[in-house]
Amino acid sequence: LGMADGREAPPQAFCLRGHKAPVLCLAAGPLSTKNKDKDKPRDLILSGSDDCTARLWDLRTRKPSRCMLGCFEKCPVTSVSFTPNDPNQVFAAAGTFVYGFDLRKESILLMKAEKKLAFNKDDINQIHVNNRGKLLCACDDSGDVQVIDIRGAEGKLVKSLSGGHKNICLSAQFCPHNAWEVVSGSAEMGEAIVHWDFNRGRVIERFPNNFVDQKNKNQLVNPPFCNSLSYSRDGKTLAAALGDGLIGLYNVKEKTILGPLDAHSAGACAVEFANFGPPSGLLSASSDKTVVLWELMDQGEYKARFKKGEKPKLGLPVVRIGLEEKPNW
């Protein structure tokens, strides 16, 4: 995808076929840690499915290079993650466990995990590895978030974050600007987004997900649950995909609400800041069968124009892609 400057080729779509049931989660391969390679495209995709398998795809050949199966105890794979700074280690969550795999094995079929992390009490909804590749957070249906040291075969529980959510915790992400902080989002109507200090095990701030000033007819049918969270590459902006179709935008470091993007005509199920183009590129997916690439306004410019009495838009759609089916939550 280009950034709509007229110089890039139009986006091309193709299918990766192999799963025998709905695909529940995706992760794009990590960028190189070398400065000269940091903007090169990522050629790997990791997927998890209701067919109780995970697959590693090579986008150059458009075929799976690894298939992880028979090790998830007949549970759907609900979340997958690469490991920054370690391209040979990937993780997949199924049921209440997190499984770690070593991609240096020559076999295409990986039927046994090198690591099995058993720290969650309920079904896991999302996992995320921090940018140092040493810690993993896993949120689950109990509303709790477990922070785990993934070094070692069995891992080590660093902190269990409980009491922040009254309902299912759907998403959790490490804060790129602080090594000891996590944000999590839940299926709640009020302050569903929680900013944690997991070193002390306490809540720093709560952020709203219900923008009452935004006239959104979808909220009457779809409550604004926080389905997905993503941080921008520079760590300045947190985006939240909300069930009423809005995208909430926040500056967590400054504890400020930037506002919502009126993004979709149905529930937004996923957001991800793009690892191509400028750091302002944001991707969102929705039950309205679209994926949209947004270009967000610089926060400094937005605040300056807002103080002048203007009503600038937080972001503009650059590319809108129609899908044949609804993406999974």
C-alpha atoms as a PDB file:
ATOM      1  CA  LEU A   1       0.000   0.000   0.000  1.00  0.00           C
ATOM      2  CA  GLY A   2       1.163   3.516  -0.720  1.00  0.00           C
ATOM      3  CA  MET A   3       0.355   6.677   1.137  1.00  0.00           C
ATOM      4  CA  ALA A   4      -1.783   8.066  -1.707  1.00  0.00           C
ATOM      5  CA  ASP A   5       0.925  10.345  -3.091  1.00  0.00           C
ATOM      6  CA  GLY A   6       0.358   9.045  -6.594  1.00  0.00           C
ATOM      7  CA  ARG A   7       3.762   7.395  -6.875  1.00  0.00           C
ATOM      8  CA  GLU A   8       2.978   4.007  -5.400  1.00  0.00           C
ATOM      9  CA  ALA A   9       1.407   1.132  -7.299  1.00  0.00           C
ATOM     10  CA  PRO A  10      -2.195   0.329  -6.336  1.00  0.00           C
ATOM     11  CA  PRO A  11      -2.602  -2.307  -3.629  1.00  0.00           C
ATOM     12  CA  GLN A  12      -2.795  -5.902  -4.794  1.00  0.00           C
ATOM     13  CA  ALA A  13      -4.792  -8.544  -2.982  1.00  0.00           C
ATOM     14  CA  PHE A  14      -4.121 -12.266  -2.887  1.00  0.00           C
ATOM     15  CA  CYS A  15      -5.258 -15.185  -0.734  1.00  0.00           C
ATOM     16  CA  LEU A  16      -3.207 -17.444   1.511  1.00  0.00           C
ATOM     17  CA  ARG A  17      -5.000 -20.792   1.547  1.00  0.00           C
ATOM     18  CA  GLY A  18      -4.361 -23.583   4.025  1.00  0.00           C
ATOM     19  CA  HIS A  19      -6.521 -23.259   7.154  1.00  0.00           C
ATOM     20  CA  LYS A  20      -9.595 -25.483   7.295  1.00  0.00           C
ATOM     21  CA  ALA A  21     -11.629 -23.219   9.596  1.00  0.00           C
ATOM     22  CA  PRO A  22     -11.979 -19.458  10.249  1.00  0.00           C
ATOM     23  CA  VAL A  23      -8.741 -17.540  10.805  1.00  0.00           C
ATOM     24  CA  LEU A  24      -8.900 -15.875  14.230  1.00  0.00           C
ATOM     25  CA  CYS A  25      -5.645 -13.901  14.434  1.00  0.00           C
ATOM     26  CA  LEU A  26      -2.698 -12.586  12.421  1.00  0.00           C
ATOM     27  CA  ALA A  27       0.725 -11.116  13.100  1.00  0.00           C
ATOM     28  CA  ALA A  28       3.220  -9.619  10.656  1.00  0.00           C
ATOM     29  CA  GLY A  29       6.859 -10.640  10.861  1.00  0.00           C
ATOM     30  CA  PRO A  30       9.196  -8.340  12.812  1.00  0.00           C
ATOM     31  CA  LEU A  31      11.255  -5.731  11.043  1.00  0.00           C
ATOM     32  CA  SER A  32      15.031  -6.020  11.061  1.00  0.00           C
ATOM     33  CA  THR A  33      16.809  -4.449  14.035  1.00  0.00           C
ATOM     34  CA  LYS A  34      19.479  -3.042  11.704  1.00  0.00           C
ATOM     35  CA  ASN A  35      18.941   0.620  10.845  1.00  0.00           C
ATOM     36  CA  LYS A  36      19.666   0.066   7.169  1.00  0.00           C
ATOM     37  CA  ASP A  37      16.960  -2.611   6.978  1.00  0.00           C
ATOM     38  CA  LYS A  38      14.324  -1.118   9.281  1.00  0.00           C
ATOM     39  CA  ASP A  39      12.026   0.033   6.475  1.00  0.00           C
ATOM     40  CA  LYS A  40      12.209  -3.133   4.391  1.00  0.00           C
ATOM     41  CA  PRO A  41       8.885  -4.934   3.874  1.00  0.00           C
ATOM     42  CA  ARG A  42       8.060  -7.846   6.137  1.00  0.00           C
ATOM     43  CA  ASP A  43       7.839 -11.145   4.266  1.00  0.00           C
ATOM     44  CA  LEU A  44       6.323 -13.313   7.007  1.00  0.00           C
ATOM     45  CA  ILE A  45       2.786 -13.686   8.334  1.00  0.00           C
ATOM     46  CA  LEU A  46       1.781 -15.791  11.342  1.00  0.00           C
ATOM     47  CA  SER A  47      -1.839 -16.947  11.565  1.00  0.00           C
ATOM     48  CA  GLY A  48      -3.963 -18.814  14.088  1.00  0.00           C
ATOM     49  CA  SER A  49      -7.223 -20.576  13.354  1.00  0.00           C
ATOM     50  CA  ASP A  50     -10.326 -22.264  14.672  1.00  0.00           C
ATOM     51  CA  ASP A  51      -8.873 -25.436  13.141  1.00  0.00           C
ATOM     52  CA  CYS A  52      -6.492 -25.601  16.152  1.00  0.00           C
ATOM     53  CA  THR A  53      -3.376 -24.851  14.090  1.00  0.00           C
ATOM     54  CA  ALA A  54      -0.998 -21.949  13.562  1.00  0.00           C
ATOM     55  CA  ARG A  55       0.813 -21.343  10.277  1.00  0.00           C
ATOM     56  CA  LEU A  56       3.842 -19.306   9.268  1.00  0.00           C
ATOM     57  CA  TRP A  57       3.463 -17.902   5.748  1.00  0.00           C
ATOM     58  CA  ASP A  58       6.199 -16.780   3.363  1.00  0.00           C
ATOM     59  CA  LEU A  59       4.700 -13.912   1.377  1.00  0.00           C
ATOM     60  CA  ARG A  60       7.280 -14.309  -1.367  1.00  0.00           C
ATOM     61  CA  THR A  61       6.064 -17.818  -2.193  1.00  0.00           C
ATOM     62  CA  ARG A  62       2.555 -17.313  -0.717  1.00  0.00           C
ATOM     63  CA  LYS A  63       2.832 -20.727   0.916  1.00  0.00           C
ATOM     64  CA  PRO A  64       3.167 -21.882   4.544  1.00  0.00           C
ATOM     65  CA  SER A  65       6.751 -22.561   5.608  1.00  0.00           C
ATOM     66  CA  ARG A  66       5.781 -23.977   9.024  1.00  0.00           C
ATOM     67  CA  CYS A  67       2.605 -25.501  10.441  1.00  0.00           C
ATOM     68  CA  MET A  68       2.107 -25.860  14.184  1.00  0.00           C
ATOM     69  CA  LEU A  69      -0.488 -28.526  14.937  1.00  0.00           C
ATOM     70  CA  GLY A  70      -1.383 -31.299  17.355  1.00  0.00           C
ATOM     71  CA  CYS A  71       0.038 -29.400  20.317  1.00  0.00           C
ATOM     72  CA  PHE A  72      -2.810 -27.044  21.246  1.00  0.00           C
ATOM     73  CA  GLU A  73      -4.972 -29.648  23.049  1.00  0.00           C
ATOM     74  CA  LYS A  74      -7.755 -29.264  20.455  1.00  0.00           C
ATOM     75  CA  CYS A  75      -8.209 -25.575  21.320  1.00  0.00           C
ATOM     76  CA  PRO A  76      -8.555 -22.796  18.724  1.00  0.00           C
ATOM     77  CA  VAL A  77      -5.497 -20.557  18.340  1.00  0.00           C
ATOM     78  CA  THR A  78      -6.761 -17.131  19.422  1.00  0.00           C
ATOM     79  CA  SER A  79      -3.599 -14.998  19.284  1.00  0.00           C
ATOM     80  CA  VAL A  80      -0.120 -15.176  17.758  1.00  0.00           C
ATOM     81  CA  SER A  81       2.997 -13.051  18.136  1.00  0.00           C
ATOM     82  CA  PHE A  82       6.505 -12.751  16.750  1.00  0.00           C
ATOM     83  CA  THR A  83       9.406 -11.905  19.074  1.00  0.00           C
ATOM     84  CA  PRO A  84      11.256  -8.628  18.427  1.00  0.00           C
ATOM     85  CA  ASN A  85      15.036  -9.130  18.216  1.00  0.00           C
ATOM     86  CA  ASP A  86      14.565 -12.903  17.853  1.00  0.00           C
ATOM     87  CA  PRO A  87      13.174 -13.901  14.436  1.00  0.00           C
ATOM     88  CA  ASN A  88      13.415 -17.591  15.333  1.00  0.00           C
ATOM     89  CA  GLN A  89      10.917 -17.506  18.210  1.00  0.00           C
ATOM     90  CA  VAL A  90       7.141 -17.209  17.840  1.00  0.00           C
ATOM     91  CA  PHE A  91       4.268 -17.617  20.291  1.00  0.00           C
ATOM     92  CA  ALA A  92       0.672 -18.790  20.004  1.00  0.00           C
ATOM     93  CA  ALA A  93      -2.147 -18.760  22.556  1.00  0.00           C
ATOM     94  CA  ALA A  94      -4.786 -21.488  22.721  1.00  0.00           C
ATOM     95  CA  GLY A  95      -7.153 -22.006  25.628  1.00  0.00           C
ATOM     96  CA  THR A  96      -5.403 -20.974  28.832  1.00  0.00           C
ATOM     97  CA  PHE A  97      -1.845 -21.653  27.597  1.00  0.00           C
ATOM     98  CA  VAL A  98       0.812 -19.788  25.623  1.00  0.00           C
ATOM     99  CA  TYR A  99       3.058 -21.940  23.441  1.00  0.00           C
ATOM    100  CA  GLY A 100       6.529 -20.997  22.204  1.00  0.00           C
ATOM    101  CA  PHE A 101       8.101 -22.430  19.029  1.00  0.00           C
ATOM    102  CA  ASP A 102      11.653 -22.453  17.659  1.00  0.00           C
ATOM    103  CA  LEU A 103      11.654 -21.809  13.894  1.00  0.00           C
ATOM    104  CA  ARG A 104      15.228 -23.041  13.500  1.00  0.00           C
ATOM    105  CA  LYS A 105      13.899 -26.587  13.296  1.00  0.00           C
ATOM    106  CA  GLU A 106      14.055 -27.925   9.755  1.00  0.00           C
ATOM    107  CA  SER A 107      10.722 -29.748   9.923  1.00  0.00           C
ATOM    108  CA  ILE A 108       7.760 -28.032   8.291  1.00  0.00           C
ATOM    109  CA  LEU A 109       5.401 -29.606  10.845  1.00  0.00           C
ATOM    110  CA  LEU A 110       5.990 -28.451  14.423  1.00  0.00           C
ATOM    111  CA  MET A 111       4.001 -30.794  16.642  1.00  0.00           C
ATOM    112  CA  LYS A 112       5.624 -29.974  19.975  1.00  0.00           C
ATOM    113  CA  ALA A 113       6.207 -26.578  21.534  1.00  0.00           C
ATOM    114  CA  GLU A 114       9.533 -25.728  23.167  1.00  0.00           C
ATOM    115  CA  LYS A 115       7.709 -23.628  25.766  1.00  0.00           C
ATOM    116  CA  LYS A 116       4.328 -23.945  27.448  1.00  0.00           C
ATOM    117  CA  LEU A 117       3.404 -21.028  29.682  1.00  0.00           C
ATOM    118  CA  ALA A 118       0.594 -21.784  32.132  1.00  0.00           C
ATOM    119  CA  PHE A 119      -0.200 -18.593  34.030  1.00  0.00           C
ATOM    120  CA  ASN A 120      -3.705 -17.636  32.824  1.00  0.00           C
ATOM    121  CA  LYS A 121      -6.806 -18.938  34.584  1.00  0.00           C
ATOM    122  CA  ASP A 122      -9.232 -18.373  31.710  1.00  0.00           C
ATOM    123  CA  ASP A 123      -9.200 -18.461  27.918  1.00  0.00           C
ATOM    124  CA  ILE A 124      -6.605 -16.079  26.454  1.00  0.00           C
ATOM    125  CA  ASN A 125      -7.757 -13.411  23.987  1.00  0.00           C
ATOM    126  CA  GLN A 126      -4.479 -11.727  23.052  1.00  0.00           C
ATOM    127  CA  ILE A 127      -0.747 -11.975  23.633  1.00  0.00           C
ATOM    128  CA  HIS A 128       1.940  -9.378  22.942  1.00  0.00           C
ATOM    129  CA  VAL A 129       5.747  -9.516  23.272  1.00  0.00           C
ATOM    130  CA  ASN A 130       7.544  -6.335  24.316  1.00  0.00           C
ATOM    131  CA  ASN A 131      10.045  -4.583  22.054  1.00  0.00           C
ATOM    132  CA  ARG A 132      13.002  -6.113  23.935  1.00  0.00           C
ATOM    133  CA  GLY A 133      11.715  -9.624  23.315  1.00  0.00           C
ATOM    134  CA  LYS A 134      11.909 -10.604  27.005  1.00  0.00           C
ATOM    135  CA  LEU A 135       8.376 -10.155  28.346  1.00  0.00           C
ATOM    136  CA  LEU A 136       4.955 -11.285  27.141  1.00  0.00           C
ATOM    137  CA  CYS A 137       1.551 -10.090  28.303  1.00  0.00           C
ATOM    138  CA  ALA A 138      -1.558 -12.261  27.990  1.00  0.00           C
ATOM    139  CA  CYS A 139      -5.106 -11.047  28.668  1.00  0.00           C
ATOM    140  CA  ASP A 140      -8.024 -13.402  29.196  1.00  0.00           C
ATOM    141  CA  ASP A 141     -11.749 -13.823  29.775  1.00  0.00           C
ATOM    142  CA  SER A 142     -11.389 -13.279  33.526  1.00  0.00           C
ATOM    143  CA  GLY A 143     -10.427  -9.650  32.864  1.00  0.00           C
ATOM    144  CA  ASP A 144      -6.877 -10.202  34.143  1.00  0.00           C
ATOM    145  CA  VAL A 145      -3.563  -9.564  32.406  1.00  0.00           C
ATOM    146  CA  GLN A 146      -0.528 -11.749  33.095  1.00  0.00           C
ATOM    147  CA  VAL A 147       2.963 -10.366  32.473  1.00  0.00           C
ATOM    148  CA  ILE A 148       5.422 -13.206  31.881  1.00  0.00           C
ATOM    149  CA  ASP A 149       9.190 -13.407  31.524  1.00  0.00           C
ATOM    150  CA  ILE A 150       9.553 -15.684  28.470  1.00  0.00           C
ATOM    151  CA  ARG A 151      13.207 -16.520  29.011  1.00  0.00           C
ATOM    152  CA  GLY A 152      13.488 -20.148  30.036  1.00  0.00           C
ATOM    153  CA  ALA A 153      11.449 -23.197  29.057  1.00  0.00           C
ATOM    154  CA  GLU A 154       8.621 -22.646  31.542  1.00  0.00           C
ATOM    155  CA  GLY A 155       8.751 -18.864  31.827  1.00  0.00           C
ATOM    156  CA  LYS A 156       8.275 -16.881  35.001  1.00  0.00           C
ATOM    157  CA  LEU A 157       5.310 -14.829  36.157  1.00  0.00           C
ATOM    158  CA  VAL A 158       6.381 -11.208  36.626  1.00  0.00           C
ATOM    159  CA  LYS A 159       3.034  -9.770  37.698  1.00  0.00           C
ATOM    160  CA  SER A 160      -0.654 -10.653  37.640  1.00  0.00           C
ATOM    161  CA  LEU A 161      -2.759  -7.554  36.943  1.00  0.00           C
ATOM    162  CA  SER A 162      -6.283  -8.015  38.301  1.00  0.00           C
ATOM    163  CA  GLY A 163      -9.154  -5.792  39.343  1.00  0.00           C
ATOM    164  CA  GLY A 164      -8.761  -3.337  36.476  1.00  0.00           C
ATOM    165  CA  HIS A 165     -11.577  -4.784  34.398  1.00  0.00           C
ATOM    166  CA  LYS A 166     -15.044  -5.992  35.340  1.00  0.00           C
ATOM    167  CA  ASN A 167     -15.511  -7.929  32.138  1.00  0.00           C
ATOM    168  CA  ILE A 168     -13.562  -9.859  29.495  1.00  0.00           C
ATOM    169  CA  CYS A 169     -10.177  -8.327  28.663  1.00  0.00           C
ATOM    170  CA  LEU A 170      -9.875  -8.404  24.868  1.00  0.00           C
ATOM    171  CA  SER A 171      -6.567  -6.665  24.166  1.00  0.00           C
ATOM    172  CA  ALA A 172      -3.265  -5.854  25.883  1.00  0.00           C
ATOM    173  CA  GLN A 173      -0.149  -4.060  24.639  1.00  0.00           C
ATOM    174  CA  PHE A 174       3.174  -3.044  26.159  1.00  0.00           C
ATOM    175  CA  CYS A 175       3.859   0.691  26.153  1.00  0.00           C
ATOM    176  CA  PRO A 176       6.814   1.453  23.859  1.00  0.00           C
ATOM    177  CA  HIS A 177       7.817   4.554  25.839  1.00  0.00           C
ATOM    178  CA  ASN A 178       8.058   2.794  29.221  1.00  0.00           C
ATOM    179  CA  ALA A 179       9.390  -0.706  29.869  1.00  0.00           C
ATOM    180  CA  TRP A 180       7.177  -1.177  32.954  1.00  0.00           C
ATOM    181  CA  GLU A 181       3.806  -0.183  31.542  1.00  0.00           C
ATOM    182  CA  VAL A 182       0.955  -1.999  29.788  1.00  0.00           C
ATOM    183  CA  VAL A 183      -2.402  -0.881  28.404  1.00  0.00           C
ATOM    184  CA  SER A 184      -5.413  -3.187  28.239  1.00  0.00           C
ATOM    185  CA  GLY A 185      -8.937  -2.928  26.850  1.00  0.00           C
ATOM    186  CA  SER A 186     -12.119  -4.770  27.784  1.00  0.00           C
ATOM    187  CA  ALA A 187     -15.752  -5.433  26.915  1.00  0.00           C
ATOM    188  CA  GLU A 188     -17.095  -2.656  29.146  1.00  0.00           C
ATOM    189  CA  MET A 189     -19.253   0.377  28.432  1.00  0.00           C
ATOM    190  CA  GLY A 190     -17.344   2.911  30.522  1.00  0.00           C
ATOM    191  CA  GLU A 191     -13.630   3.290  31.143  1.00  0.00           C
ATOM    192  CA  ALA A 192     -12.630   0.132  29.310  1.00  0.00           C
ATOM    193  CA  ILE A 193      -9.020   1.144  28.584  1.00  0.00           C
ATOM    194  CA  VAL A 194      -6.628   0.809  31.520  1.00  0.00           C
ATOM    195  CA  HIS A 195      -3.022   2.025  31.744  1.00  0.00           C
ATOM    196  CA  TRP A 196      -0.987  -0.121  34.164  1.00  0.00           C
ATOM    197  CA  ASP A 197       2.315   0.111  36.000  1.00  0.00           C
ATOM    198  CA  PHE A 198       2.998  -3.628  36.197  1.00  0.00           C
ATOM    199  CA  ASN A 199       6.159  -3.146  38.248  1.00  0.00           C
ATOM    200  CA  ARG A 200       3.997  -1.885  41.117  1.00  0.00           C
ATOM    201  CA  GLY A 201       0.869  -3.736  40.040  1.00  0.00           C
ATOM    202  CA  ARG A 202      -1.342  -0.649  40.038  1.00  0.00           C
ATOM    203  CA  VAL A 203      -3.578   1.301  37.658  1.00  0.00           C
ATOM    204  CA  ILE A 204      -2.087   4.598  36.466  1.00  0.00           C
ATOM    205  CA  GLU A 205      -5.029   5.915  34.453  1.00  0.00           C
ATOM    206  CA  ARG A 206      -8.345   4.892  32.930  1.00  0.00           C
ATOM    207  CA  PHE A 207      -9.513   6.119  29.541  1.00  0.00           C
ATOM    208  CA  PRO A 208     -13.087   6.299  28.235  1.00  0.00           C
ATOM    209  CA  ASN A 209     -14.323   4.342  25.256  1.00  0.00           C
ATOM    210  CA  ASN A 210     -17.784   5.878  25.159  1.00  0.00           C
ATOM    211  CA  PHE A 211     -17.723   9.140  23.215  1.00  0.00           C
ATOM    212  CA  VAL A 212     -21.158  10.555  24.053  1.00  0.00           C
ATOM    213  CA  ASP A 213     -20.519  13.768  22.109  1.00  0.00           C
ATOM    214  CA  GLN A 214     -20.020  11.778  18.922  1.00  0.00           C
ATOM    215  CA  LYS A 215     -23.366  11.211  17.235  1.00  0.00           C
ATOM    216  CA  ASN A 216     -23.017   7.591  16.243  1.00  0.00           C
ATOM    217  CA  LYS A 217     -26.156   5.648  15.344  1.00  0.00           C
ATOM    218  CA  ASN A 218     -24.216   2.352  15.540  1.00  0.00           C
ATOM    219  CA  GLN A 219     -23.861   2.679  19.306  1.00  0.00           C
ATOM    220  CA  LEU A 220     -27.577   1.922  19.698  1.00  0.00           C
ATOM    221  CA  VAL A 221     -26.914  -1.575  18.366  1.00  0.00           C
ATOM    222  CA  ASN A 222     -23.202  -2.169  19.011  1.00  0.00           C
ATOM    223  CA  PRO A 223     -21.776  -1.146  22.414  1.00  0.00           C
ATOM    224  CA  PRO A 224     -18.353   0.549  22.260  1.00  0.00           C
ATOM    225  CA  PHE A 225     -16.368  -2.366  23.688  1.00  0.00           C
ATOM    226  CA  CYS A 226     -12.608  -2.065  23.218  1.00  0.00           C
ATOM    227  CA  ASN A 227     -11.819  -4.868  20.787  1.00  0.00           C
ATOM    228  CA  SER A 228      -8.220  -4.032  19.864  1.00  0.00           C
ATOM    229  CA  LEU A 229      -5.365  -1.707  20.821  1.00  0.00           C
ATOM    230  CA  SER A 230      -2.253  -0.553  18.948  1.00  0.00           C
ATOM    231  CA  TYR A 231       0.577   1.889  19.648  1.00  0.00           C
ATOM    232  CA  SER A 232       2.189   4.084  17.006  1.00  0.00           C
ATOM    233  CA  ARG A 233       5.847   3.439  16.266  1.00  0.00           C
ATOM    234  CA  ASP A 234       6.907   6.639  18.043  1.00  0.00           C
ATOM    235  CA  GLY A 235       4.838   5.700  21.110  1.00  0.00           C
ATOM    236  CA  LYS A 236       2.860   8.952  21.046  1.00  0.00           C
ATOM    237  CA  THR A 237      -0.543   7.643  20.000  1.00  0.00           C
ATOM    238  CA  LEU A 238      -2.670   4.747  21.205  1.00  0.00           C
ATOM    239  CA  ALA A 239      -5.529   3.635  18.947  1.00  0.00           C
ATOM    240  CA  ALA A 240      -8.524   1.590  20.103  1.00  0.00           C
ATOM    241  CA  ALA A 241     -10.978  -0.253  17.831  1.00  0.00           C
ATOM    242  CA  LEU A 242     -14.418   0.208  19.384  1.00  0.00           C
ATOM    243  CA  GLY A 243     -17.543  -1.857  18.920  1.00  0.00           C
ATOM    244  CA  ASP A 244     -19.636   1.076  17.715  1.00  0.00           C
ATOM    245  CA  GLY A 245     -17.380   1.653  14.690  1.00  0.00           C
ATOM    246  CA  LEU A 246     -15.315   4.484  16.151  1.00  0.00           C
ATOM    247  CA  ILE A 247     -11.532   4.491  16.559  1.00  0.00           C
ATOM    248  CA  GLY A 248     -10.507   6.068  19.860  1.00  0.00           C
ATOM    249  CA  LEU A 249      -7.198   7.967  19.833  1.00  0.00           C
ATOM    250  CA  TYR A 250      -5.238   8.750  23.008  1.00  0.00           C
ATOM    251  CA  ASN A 251      -1.916  10.149  24.178  1.00  0.00           C
ATOM    252  CA  VAL A 252      -1.271   7.823  27.100  1.00  0.00           C
ATOM    253  CA  LYS A 253       1.985   9.469  28.170  1.00  0.00           C
ATOM    254  CA  GLU A 254       0.262  12.854  28.567  1.00  0.00           C
ATOM    255  CA  LYS A 255      -2.962  11.228  29.845  1.00  0.00           C
ATOM    256  CA  THR A 256      -5.036  13.016  27.215  1.00  0.00           C
ATOM    257  CA  ILE A 257      -7.872  11.998  24.917  1.00  0.00           C
ATOM    258  CA  LEU A 258      -7.323  13.094  21.337  1.00  0.00           C
ATOM    259  CA  GLY A 259     -10.806  12.055  20.284  1.00  0.00           C
ATOM    260  CA  PRO A 260     -12.559   9.544  18.053  1.00  0.00           C
ATOM    261  CA  LEU A 261     -12.333   8.840  14.339  1.00  0.00           C
ATOM    262  CA  ASP A 262     -15.746   8.163  12.806  1.00  0.00           C
ATOM    263  CA  ALA A 263     -14.267   5.184  11.029  1.00  0.00           C
ATOM    264  CA  HIS A 264     -16.784   2.473  10.184  1.00  0.00           C
ATOM    265  CA  SER A 265     -20.500   1.822   9.731  1.00  0.00           C
ATOM    266  CA  ALA A 266     -20.275  -1.319  11.908  1.00  0.00           C
ATOM    267  CA  GLY A 267     -18.123  -2.473  14.813  1.00  0.00           C
ATOM    268  CA  ALA A 268     -14.362  -1.918  14.459  1.00  0.00           C
ATOM    269  CA  CYS A 269     -12.682  -5.216  15.291  1.00  0.00           C
ATOM    270  CA  ALA A 270      -8.968  -4.462  14.830  1.00  0.00           C
ATOM    271  CA  VAL A 271      -6.462  -1.592  14.600  1.00  0.00           C
ATOM    272  CA  GLU A 272      -2.771  -1.712  13.775  1.00  0.00           C
ATOM    273  CA  PHE A 273      -0.318   1.102  13.144  1.00  0.00           C
ATOM    274  CA  ALA A 274       1.336   0.468   9.798  1.00  0.00           C
ATOM    275  CA  ASN A 275       5.001  -0.455   9.678  1.00  0.00           C
ATOM    276  CA  PHE A 276       5.375   1.188   6.294  1.00  0.00           C
ATOM    277  CA  GLY A 277       5.298   4.837   5.318  1.00  0.00           C
ATOM    278  CA  PRO A 278       5.202   7.586   7.963  1.00  0.00           C
ATOM    279  CA  PRO A 279       4.405   6.720  11.614  1.00  0.00           C
ATOM    280  CA  SER A 280       0.981   8.347  11.200  1.00  0.00           C
ATOM    281  CA  GLY A 281      -0.376   5.454   9.111  1.00  0.00           C
ATOM    282  CA  LEU A 282      -3.131   3.482  10.887  1.00  0.00           C
ATOM    283  CA  LEU A 283      -5.003   0.417   9.621  1.00  0.00           C
ATOM    284  CA  SER A 284      -8.471  -0.489  10.867  1.00  0.00           C
ATOM    285  CA  ALA A 285     -10.759  -3.426  10.073  1.00  0.00           C
ATOM    286  CA  SER A 286     -14.485  -3.669  10.652  1.00  0.00           C
ATOM    287  CA  SER A 287     -17.565  -5.849  10.429  1.00  0.00           C
ATOM    288  CA  ASP A 288     -18.671  -3.557   7.602  1.00  0.00           C
ATOM    289  CA  LYS A 289     -16.305  -5.678   5.473  1.00  0.00           C
ATOM    290  CA  THR A 290     -13.690  -2.980   4.996  1.00  0.00           C
ATOM    291  CA  VAL A 291     -10.055  -2.380   5.881  1.00  0.00           C
ATOM    292  CA  VAL A 292      -9.070   1.294   5.900  1.00  0.00           C
ATOM    293  CA  LEU A 293      -5.647   2.926   5.874  1.00  0.00           C
ATOM    294  CA  TRP A 294      -5.749   6.265   7.711  1.00  0.00           C
ATOM    295  CA  GLU A 295      -3.215   9.060   7.764  1.00  0.00           C
ATOM    296  CA  LEU A 296      -3.408  10.743  11.164  1.00  0.00           C
ATOM    297  CA  MET A 297      -2.730  14.414  11.700  1.00  0.00           C
ATOM    298  CA  ASP A 298       0.374  15.344  13.678  1.00  0.00           C
ATOM    299  CA  GLN A 299      -0.635  15.857  17.317  1.00  0.00           C
ATOM    300  CA  GLY A 300       1.125  19.218  17.576  1.00  0.00           C
ATOM    301  CA  GLU A 301      -0.632  20.566  14.506  1.00  0.00           C
ATOM    302  CA  TYR A 302      -3.965  19.182  15.667  1.00  0.00           C
ATOM    303  CA  LYS A 303      -3.715  20.833  19.086  1.00  0.00           C
ATOM    304  CA  ALA A 304      -2.625  24.162  17.592  1.00  0.00           C
ATOM    305  CA  ARG A 305      -5.539  24.243  15.160  1.00  0.00           C
ATOM    306  CA  PHE A 306      -7.976  23.137  17.858  1.00  0.00           C
ATOM    307  CA  LYS A 307      -6.880  26.032  20.113  1.00  0.00           C
ATOM    308  CA  LYS A 308      -7.592  28.444  17.267  1.00  0.00           C
ATOM    309  CA  GLY A 309     -11.222  27.337  17.296  1.00  0.00           C
ATOM    310  CA  GLU A 310     -10.949  25.106  14.256  1.00  0.00           C
ATOM    311  CA  LYS A 311     -12.380  21.600  14.111  1.00  0.00           C
ATOM    312  CA  PRO A 312      -9.649  19.653  12.330  1.00  0.00           C
ATOM    313  CA  LYS A 313     -10.108  15.991  11.520  1.00  0.00           C
ATOM    314  CA  LEU A 314      -7.852  13.633  13.454  1.00  0.00           C
ATOM    315  CA  GLY A 315      -7.240  11.565  10.362  1.00  0.00           C
ATOM    316  CA  LEU A 316      -8.236  11.043   6.760  1.00  0.00           C
ATOM    317  CA  PRO A 317      -8.862   7.758   4.930  1.00  0.00           C
ATOM    318  CA  VAL A 318      -6.188   7.099   2.325  1.00  0.00           C
ATOM    319  CA  VAL A 319      -7.109   3.632   1.063  1.00  0.00           C
ATOM    320  CA  ARG A 320     -10.316   1.674   1.616  1.00  0.00           C
ATOM    321  CA  ILE A 321     -10.328  -2.048   0.800  1.00  0.00           C
ATOM    322  CA  GLY A 322     -13.538  -4.043   0.497  1.00  0.00           C
ATOM    323  CA  LEU A 323     -13.636  -7.620   1.789  1.00  0.00           C
ATOM    324  CA  GLU A 324     -15.850 -10.515   0.760  1.00  0.00           C
ATOM    325  CA  GLU A 325     -16.389 -11.617   4.358  1.00  0.00           C
ATOM    326  CA  LYS A 326     -16.392  -9.958   7.764  1.00  0.00           C
ATOM    327  CA  PRO A 327     -13.001 -10.048   9.507  1.00  0.00           C
ATOM    328  CA  ASN A 328     -12.897 -11.932  12.803  1.00  0.00           C
ATOM    329  CA  TRP A 329     -12.759 -10.125  16.157  1.00  0.00           C
END
